[in-house]
C-alpha cells in the first residue's frame, strides 16, 4: 500500500510540474522572420 501511495504522489507531482511548464511556455511564439537562407555558390 505504501508503494502505491508513493507512485501516486510521484505522478501527481510530475503532473503539477508539467502543468506549470506548459503554462509558462504558452505565451512563447516562434519567430516569424529569419530562418534558412538559400545557399549561393561562391565565385
C-alpha atoms as a PDB file:
ATOM      1  CA  UNK A   1       0.000   0.000   0.000  1.00  0.00           C
ATOM      2  CA  UNK A   2       2.862   2.356   0.819  1.00  0.00           C
ATOM      3  CA  UNK A   3       4.400   1.760  -2.635  1.00  0.00           C
ATOM      4  CA  UNK A   4       1.111   2.614  -4.380  1.00  0.00           C
ATOM      5  CA  UNK A   5       0.853   5.855  -2.399  1.00  0.00           C
ATOM      6  CA  UNK A   6       4.410   6.807  -3.342  1.00  0.00           C
ATOM      7  CA  UNK A   7       3.713   6.120  -7.020  1.00  0.00           C
ATOM      8  CA  UNK A   8       0.544   8.223  -6.943  1.00  0.00           C
ATOM      9  CA  UNK A   9       2.398  11.041  -5.192  1.00  0.00           C
ATOM     10  CA  UNK A  10       5.189  10.967  -7.790  1.00  0.00           C
ATOM     11  CA  UNK A  11       2.662  11.011 -10.660  1.00  0.00           C
ATOM     12  CA  UNK A  12       0.758  13.923  -9.153  1.00  0.00           C
ATOM     13  CA  UNK A  13       3.943  15.936  -8.600  1.00  0.00           C
ATOM     14  CA  UNK A  14       5.038  15.238 -12.189  1.00  0.00           C
ATOM     15  CA  UNK A  15       1.623  16.383 -13.419  1.00  0.00           C
ATOM     16  CA  UNK A  16       1.859  19.632 -11.485  1.00  0.00           C
ATOM     17  CA  UNK A  17       5.351  20.332 -12.816  1.00  0.00           C
ATOM     18  CA  UNK A  18       4.181  19.622 -16.384  1.00  0.00           C
ATOM     19  CA  UNK A  19       1.219  21.962 -15.914  1.00  0.00           C
ATOM     20  CA  UNK A  20       3.432  24.781 -14.635  1.00  0.00           C
ATOM     21  CA  UNK A  21       5.867  24.350 -17.516  1.00  0.00           C
ATOM     22  CA  UNK A  22       3.043  24.282 -20.053  1.00  0.00           C
ATOM     23  CA  UNK A  23       1.554  27.461 -18.617  1.00  0.00           C
ATOM     24  CA  UNK A  24       4.929  29.249 -18.653  1.00  0.00           C
ATOM     25  CA  UNK A  25       5.716  28.347 -22.278  1.00  0.00           C
ATOM     26  CA  UNK A  26       2.224  29.035 -23.628  1.00  0.00           C
ATOM     27  CA  UNK A  27       2.962  32.681 -24.456  1.00  0.00           C
ATOM     28  CA  UNK A  28       6.171  31.963 -26.367  1.00  0.00           C
ATOM     29  CA  UNK A  29       5.707  32.457 -30.106  1.00  0.00           C
ATOM     30  CA  UNK A  30       8.151  31.184 -32.701  1.00  0.00           C
ATOM     31  CA  UNK A  31       9.876  33.903 -34.724  1.00  0.00           C
ATOM     32  CA  UNK A  32       8.055  34.816 -37.915  1.00  0.00           C
ATOM     33  CA  UNK A  33      11.128  36.123 -39.723  1.00  0.00           C
ATOM     34  CA  UNK A  34      14.554  34.709 -40.388  1.00  0.00           C
ATOM     35  CA  UNK A  35      15.277  31.050 -40.740  1.00  0.00           C
ATOM     36  CA  UNK A  36      17.103  29.286 -43.551  1.00  0.00           C
ATOM     37  CA  UNK A  37      18.583  31.199 -46.451  1.00  0.00           C
ATOM     38  CA  UNK A  38      19.211  29.799 -49.867  1.00  0.00           C
ATOM     39  CA  UNK A  39      22.898  28.986 -50.364  1.00  0.00           C
ATOM     40  CA  UNK A  40      24.516  30.913 -53.218  1.00  0.00           C
ATOM     41  CA  UNK A  41      27.660  29.415 -54.757  1.00  0.00           C
ATOM     42  CA  UNK A  42      30.938  31.287 -54.227  1.00  0.00           C
ATOM     43  CA  UNK A  43      32.703  32.608 -57.349  1.00  0.00           C
END
